[in-house]
Amino acid sequence: MDMKHYGHTDAQDIRALLLDIHDDAYAGEADEFHSRERFTEFVDAWSAKETWACVIGFENGEPVGYAYGAAFSPGGWWRGVDDPAWLTEETRVFAVSELMVVPQWRKTGVSAKLHDTLIATQDAEFATLFVDTAHPRVVALYGGWGYQVIAESKPFEDAPLYAVMAKEIRQSP
């Protein structure tokens, strides 16, 4: 699989591709929170961050999925969640915002490859992400990757309830 790396300055060039993969991943989903229009807001907000990083996987030139995120900024990301003891102003944390795999590539190990490739590019001590609690198998998958549930959050009125998960990826210097 060919993994291509993108940053903040590439966002407009890959925006349509990210949205198209999202549409494929959420085909048949009736919840407006997962609509293309709503997701466009998130893509634009995240990719506007200077620390935004994205990895897209390609097989035979066709996209199979992506992962993206940015440096963690307290407040907006964990609305209503008490900070864990390890989180200080000096702690470097990378927030994994999205990890999507097109349906025909699910359960093939692609998600782990995308995640690990993205995380490997970050100078962070911890990684964090949200997982919809309505999908306990996905929560368990991330648990198998070393993430632990530290809280639950409903960051937007129309959002599902998420498990807030974090894992140590590098020891502090």
C-alpha atoms as a PDB file:
ATOM      1  CA  MET A   1       0.000   0.000   0.000  1.00  0.00           C
ATOM      2  CA  ASP A   2       1.245   3.450  -0.908  1.00  0.00           C
ATOM      3  CA  MET A   3       0.962   5.922   1.998  1.00  0.00           C
ATOM      4  CA  LYS A   4       1.019   9.588   1.018  1.00  0.00           C
ATOM      5  CA  HIS A   5       1.553  12.345   3.550  1.00  0.00           C
ATOM      6  CA  TYR A   6      -0.143  15.739   3.409  1.00  0.00           C
ATOM      7  CA  GLY A   7      -0.067  18.864   5.533  1.00  0.00           C
ATOM      8  CA  HIS A   8      -1.988  22.055   6.071  1.00  0.00           C
ATOM      9  CA  THR A   9      -0.777  23.581   2.785  1.00  0.00           C
ATOM     10  CA  ASP A  10      -2.112  20.569   0.822  1.00  0.00           C
ATOM     11  CA  ALA A  11      -5.601  20.656   2.326  1.00  0.00           C
ATOM     12  CA  GLN A  12      -7.446  22.287  -0.563  1.00  0.00           C
ATOM     13  CA  ASP A  13      -5.845  19.895  -3.058  1.00  0.00           C
ATOM     14  CA  ILE A  14      -7.166  16.795  -1.254  1.00  0.00           C
ATOM     15  CA  ARG A  15     -10.381  18.201   0.239  1.00  0.00           C
ATOM     16  CA  ALA A  16     -12.716  16.665  -2.375  1.00  0.00           C
ATOM     17  CA  LEU A  17     -11.001  13.279  -2.018  1.00  0.00           C
ATOM     18  CA  LEU A  18     -11.458  13.335   1.777  1.00  0.00           C
ATOM     19  CA  LEU A  19     -15.130  14.198   1.342  1.00  0.00           C
ATOM     20  CA  ASP A  20     -15.638  11.488  -1.278  1.00  0.00           C
ATOM     21  CA  ILE A  21     -14.079   8.830   0.977  1.00  0.00           C
ATOM     22  CA  HIS A  22     -16.315  10.063   3.797  1.00  0.00           C
ATOM     23  CA  ASP A  23     -19.366   9.685   1.551  1.00  0.00           C
ATOM     24  CA  ASP A  24     -18.355   6.118   0.717  1.00  0.00           C
ATOM     25  CA  ALA A  25     -17.699   5.279   4.378  1.00  0.00           C
ATOM     26  CA  TYR A  26     -21.075   6.684   5.491  1.00  0.00           C
ATOM     27  CA  ALA A  27     -23.210   5.596   2.533  1.00  0.00           C
ATOM     28  CA  GLY A  28     -26.729   4.857   3.743  1.00  0.00           C
ATOM     29  CA  GLU A  29     -26.262   6.718   7.043  1.00  0.00           C
ATOM     30  CA  ALA A  30     -29.372   8.802   7.777  1.00  0.00           C
ATOM     31  CA  ASP A  31     -27.980  10.827  10.712  1.00  0.00           C
ATOM     32  CA  GLU A  32     -27.400  14.449   9.640  1.00  0.00           C
ATOM     33  CA  PHE A  33     -24.308  14.590  11.861  1.00  0.00           C
ATOM     34  CA  HIS A  34     -22.632  12.248   9.355  1.00  0.00           C
ATOM     35  CA  SER A  35     -23.795  14.134   6.257  1.00  0.00           C
ATOM     36  CA  ARG A  36     -21.319  15.468   3.723  1.00  0.00           C
ATOM     37  CA  GLU A  37     -22.373  19.035   4.537  1.00  0.00           C
ATOM     38  CA  ARG A  38     -21.736  18.601   8.261  1.00  0.00           C
ATOM     39  CA  PHE A  39     -18.472  16.727   7.681  1.00  0.00           C
ATOM     40  CA  THR A  40     -17.238  19.498   5.382  1.00  0.00           C
ATOM     41  CA  GLU A  41     -17.258  21.827   8.409  1.00  0.00           C
ATOM     42  CA  PHE A  42     -14.962  19.452  10.294  1.00  0.00           C
ATOM     43  CA  VAL A  43     -12.596  18.912   7.368  1.00  0.00           C
ATOM     44  CA  ASP A  44     -12.264  22.655   6.867  1.00  0.00           C
ATOM     45  CA  ALA A  45     -11.796  23.426  10.575  1.00  0.00           C
ATOM     46  CA  TRP A  46      -9.189  20.728  11.147  1.00  0.00           C
ATOM     47  CA  SER A  47      -7.248  21.290   7.933  1.00  0.00           C
ATOM     48  CA  ALA A  48      -7.040  25.022   8.708  1.00  0.00           C
ATOM     49  CA  LYS A  49      -4.763  24.209  11.666  1.00  0.00           C
ATOM     50  CA  GLU A  50      -1.100  24.681  10.835  1.00  0.00           C
ATOM     51  CA  THR A  51      -0.255  21.413  12.622  1.00  0.00           C
ATOM     52  CA  TRP A  52      -2.763  19.412  10.557  1.00  0.00           C
ATOM     53  CA  ALA A  53      -1.338  16.173   9.176  1.00  0.00           C
ATOM     54  CA  CYS A  54      -3.021  13.633   6.921  1.00  0.00           C
ATOM     55  CA  VAL A  55      -2.100  10.230   5.537  1.00  0.00           C
ATOM     56  CA  ILE A  56      -4.036   8.720   2.636  1.00  0.00           C
ATOM     57  CA  GLY A  57      -3.539   5.098   1.674  1.00  0.00           C
ATOM     58  CA  PHE A  58      -3.657   4.049  -1.970  1.00  0.00           C
ATOM     59  CA  GLU A  59      -3.740   0.583  -3.488  1.00  0.00           C
ATOM     60  CA  ASN A  60      -3.157   0.405  -7.248  1.00  0.00           C
ATOM     61  CA  GLY A  61      -3.767   4.156  -7.413  1.00  0.00           C
ATOM     62  CA  GLU A  62      -7.168   3.950  -5.704  1.00  0.00           C
ATOM     63  CA  PRO A  63      -7.740   5.507  -2.249  1.00  0.00           C
ATOM     64  CA  VAL A  64      -8.530   3.005   0.495  1.00  0.00           C
ATOM     65  CA  GLY A  65      -8.770   5.378   3.452  1.00  0.00           C
ATOM     66  CA  TYR A  66      -7.168   8.140   5.440  1.00  0.00           C
ATOM     67  CA  ALA A  67      -6.281   9.369   8.887  1.00  0.00           C
ATOM     68  CA  TYR A  68      -5.794  12.957   9.961  1.00  0.00           C
ATOM     69  CA  GLY A  69      -5.470  15.140  13.003  1.00  0.00           C
ATOM     70  CA  ALA A  70      -3.536  17.998  14.554  1.00  0.00           C
ATOM     71  CA  ALA A  71      -1.769  19.033  17.706  1.00  0.00           C
ATOM     72  CA  PHE A  72      -4.135  18.885  20.659  1.00  0.00           C
ATOM     73  CA  SER A  73      -5.476  22.152  21.980  1.00  0.00           C
ATOM     74  CA  PRO A  74      -7.291  21.979  25.328  1.00  0.00           C
ATOM     75  CA  GLY A  75     -10.852  23.224  25.580  1.00  0.00           C
ATOM     76  CA  GLY A  76     -12.511  22.689  22.248  1.00  0.00           C
ATOM     77  CA  TRP A  77     -11.461  19.081  21.784  1.00  0.00           C
ATOM     78  CA  TRP A  78     -12.518  17.806  25.204  1.00  0.00           C
ATOM     79  CA  ARG A  79     -15.573  19.910  25.993  1.00  0.00           C
ATOM     80  CA  GLY A  80     -16.796  19.009  29.459  1.00  0.00           C
ATOM     81  CA  VAL A  81     -14.065  16.438  30.124  1.00  0.00           C
ATOM     82  CA  ASP A  82     -11.762  16.737  33.107  1.00  0.00           C
ATOM     83  CA  ASP A  83      -8.132  16.688  32.024  1.00  0.00           C
ATOM     84  CA  PRO A  84      -6.247  13.527  32.997  1.00  0.00           C
ATOM     85  CA  ALA A  85      -3.360  13.900  35.439  1.00  0.00           C
ATOM     86  CA  TRP A  86      -0.752  13.431  32.683  1.00  0.00           C
ATOM     87  CA  LEU A  87      -2.038  16.413  30.691  1.00  0.00           C
ATOM     88  CA  THR A  88      -0.088  19.560  31.519  1.00  0.00           C
ATOM     89  CA  GLU A  89       0.684  22.662  29.478  1.00  0.00           C
ATOM     90  CA  GLU A  90       3.977  21.032  28.486  1.00  0.00           C
ATOM     91  CA  THR A  91       2.491  17.692  27.390  1.00  0.00           C
ATOM     92  CA  ARG A  92       2.653  17.178  23.635  1.00  0.00           C
ATOM     93  CA  VAL A  93      -0.541  15.523  22.434  1.00  0.00           C
ATOM     94  CA  PHE A  94      -1.730  14.682  18.947  1.00  0.00           C
ATOM     95  CA  ALA A  95      -5.498  14.544  18.392  1.00  0.00           C
ATOM     96  CA  VAL A  96      -6.529  11.977  15.791  1.00  0.00           C
ATOM     97  CA  SER A  97      -9.653  13.549  14.350  1.00  0.00           C
ATOM     98  CA  GLU A  98     -10.593  11.096  11.608  1.00  0.00           C
ATOM     99  CA  LEU A  99      -9.718   7.616  10.503  1.00  0.00           C
ATOM    100  CA  MET A 100     -11.848   6.355   7.621  1.00  0.00           C
ATOM    101  CA  VAL A 101     -11.555   3.272   5.476  1.00  0.00           C
ATOM    102  CA  VAL A 102     -13.687   2.600   2.405  1.00  0.00           C
ATOM    103  CA  PRO A 103     -16.033  -0.337   3.088  1.00  0.00           C
ATOM    104  CA  GLN A 104     -14.330  -2.918   0.856  1.00  0.00           C
ATOM    105  CA  TRP A 105     -11.024  -2.364   2.719  1.00  0.00           C
ATOM    106  CA  ARG A 106     -12.398  -2.700   6.249  1.00  0.00           C
ATOM    107  CA  LYS A 107     -11.131  -5.579   8.390  1.00  0.00           C
ATOM    108  CA  THR A 108      -7.927  -5.839   6.323  1.00  0.00           C
ATOM    109  CA  GLY A 109      -5.530  -4.034   8.676  1.00  0.00           C
ATOM    110  CA  VAL A 110      -5.674  -0.796   6.672  1.00  0.00           C
ATOM    111  CA  SER A 111      -6.978   1.234   9.615  1.00  0.00           C
ATOM    112  CA  ALA A 112      -4.018   0.225  11.794  1.00  0.00           C
ATOM    113  CA  LYS A 113      -1.562   1.046   8.996  1.00  0.00           C
ATOM    114  CA  LEU A 114      -3.111   4.470   8.433  1.00  0.00           C
ATOM    115  CA  HIS A 115      -3.197   5.217  12.164  1.00  0.00           C
ATOM    116  CA  ASP A 116       0.356   4.054  12.826  1.00  0.00           C
ATOM    117  CA  THR A 117       1.744   5.900   9.801  1.00  0.00           C
ATOM    118  CA  LEU A 118       0.084   9.141  10.918  1.00  0.00           C
ATOM    119  CA  ILE A 119       1.140   8.809  14.566  1.00  0.00           C
ATOM    120  CA  ALA A 120       4.733   7.992  13.584  1.00  0.00           C
ATOM    121  CA  THR A 121       5.057  11.443  11.992  1.00  0.00           C
ATOM    122  CA  GLN A 122       4.143  13.287  15.179  1.00  0.00           C
ATOM    123  CA  ASP A 123       6.384  14.695  17.877  1.00  0.00           C
ATOM    124  CA  ALA A 124       3.929  13.899  20.649  1.00  0.00           C
ATOM    125  CA  GLU A 125       3.909  11.997  23.905  1.00  0.00           C
ATOM    126  CA  PHE A 126       0.239  11.044  23.757  1.00  0.00           C
ATOM    127  CA  ALA A 127      -2.426  10.504  21.139  1.00  0.00           C
ATOM    128  CA  THR A 128      -6.119  11.016  21.725  1.00  0.00           C
ATOM    129  CA  LEU A 129      -9.258  10.295  19.757  1.00  0.00           C
ATOM    130  CA  PHE A 130     -13.020   9.991  20.065  1.00  0.00           C
ATOM    131  CA  VAL A 131     -15.017   6.850  19.278  1.00  0.00           C
ATOM    132  CA  ASP A 132     -18.804   6.681  19.013  1.00  0.00           C
ATOM    133  CA  THR A 133     -19.938   4.603  22.016  1.00  0.00           C
ATOM    134  CA  ALA A 134     -22.623   3.022  19.809  1.00  0.00           C
ATOM    135  CA  HIS A 135     -19.754   1.069  18.212  1.00  0.00           C
ATOM    136  CA  PRO A 136     -18.232  -1.003  21.049  1.00  0.00           C
ATOM    137  CA  ARG A 137     -16.186  -3.117  18.623  1.00  0.00           C
ATOM    138  CA  VAL A 138     -14.420   0.010  17.398  1.00  0.00           C
ATOM    139  CA  VAL A 139     -13.788   1.083  21.009  1.00  0.00           C
ATOM    140  CA  ALA A 140     -12.330  -2.400  21.605  1.00  0.00           C
ATOM    141  CA  LEU A 141     -10.210  -2.147  18.440  1.00  0.00           C
ATOM    142  CA  TYR A 142      -8.587   1.048  19.701  1.00  0.00           C
ATOM    143  CA  GLY A 143      -8.199  -0.571  23.112  1.00  0.00           C
ATOM    144  CA  GLY A 144      -6.183  -3.274  21.380  1.00  0.00           C
ATOM    145  CA  TRP A 145      -3.950  -0.548  19.972  1.00  0.00           C
ATOM    146  CA  GLY A 146      -3.198   0.674  23.512  1.00  0.00           C
ATOM    147  CA  TYR A 147      -5.834   3.386  23.901  1.00  0.00           C
ATOM    148  CA  GLN A 148      -7.747   3.662  27.157  1.00  0.00           C
ATOM    149  CA  VAL A 149     -11.153   5.241  27.690  1.00  0.00           C
ATOM    150  CA  ILE A 150     -10.638   8.236  29.957  1.00  0.00           C
ATOM    151  CA  ALA A 151     -14.100   9.816  29.741  1.00  0.00           C
ATOM    152  CA  GLU A 152     -17.193  10.271  27.625  1.00  0.00           C
ATOM    153  CA  SER A 153     -18.132  13.431  25.746  1.00  0.00           C
ATOM    154  CA  LYS A 154     -20.910  14.822  23.595  1.00  0.00           C
ATOM    155  CA  PRO A 155     -19.025  17.768  22.091  1.00  0.00           C
ATOM    156  CA  PHE A 156     -21.926  19.090  19.995  1.00  0.00           C
ATOM    157  CA  GLU A 157     -25.661  18.987  20.572  1.00  0.00           C
ATOM    158  CA  ASP A 158     -26.169  16.879  17.443  1.00  0.00           C
ATOM    159  CA  ALA A 159     -23.156  14.626  18.073  1.00  0.00           C
ATOM    160  CA  PRO A 160     -23.291  11.059  19.330  1.00  0.00           C
ATOM    161  CA  LEU A 161     -21.855  10.187  22.733  1.00  0.00           C
ATOM    162  CA  TYR A 162     -18.158   9.528  22.323  1.00  0.00           C
ATOM    163  CA  ALA A 163     -15.636   7.559  24.329  1.00  0.00           C
ATOM    164  CA  VAL A 164     -12.658   9.871  24.835  1.00  0.00           C
ATOM    165  CA  MET A 165      -9.593   7.674  24.449  1.00  0.00           C
ATOM    166  CA  ALA A 166      -5.879   8.331  24.870  1.00  0.00           C
ATOM    167  CA  LYS A 167      -2.617   6.441  24.807  1.00  0.00           C
ATOM    168  CA  GLU A 168       1.009   7.162  25.500  1.00  0.00           C
ATOM    169  CA  ILE A 169       3.021   7.005  22.286  1.00  0.00           C
ATOM    170  CA  ARG A 170       6.385   8.337  23.438  1.00  0.00           C
ATOM    171  CA  GLN A 171       8.030   8.921  26.768  1.00  0.00           C
ATOM    172  CA  SER A 172       8.590  12.573  27.628  1.00  0.00           C
ATOM    173  CA  PRO A 173      12.226  13.723  27.261  1.00  0.00           C
END
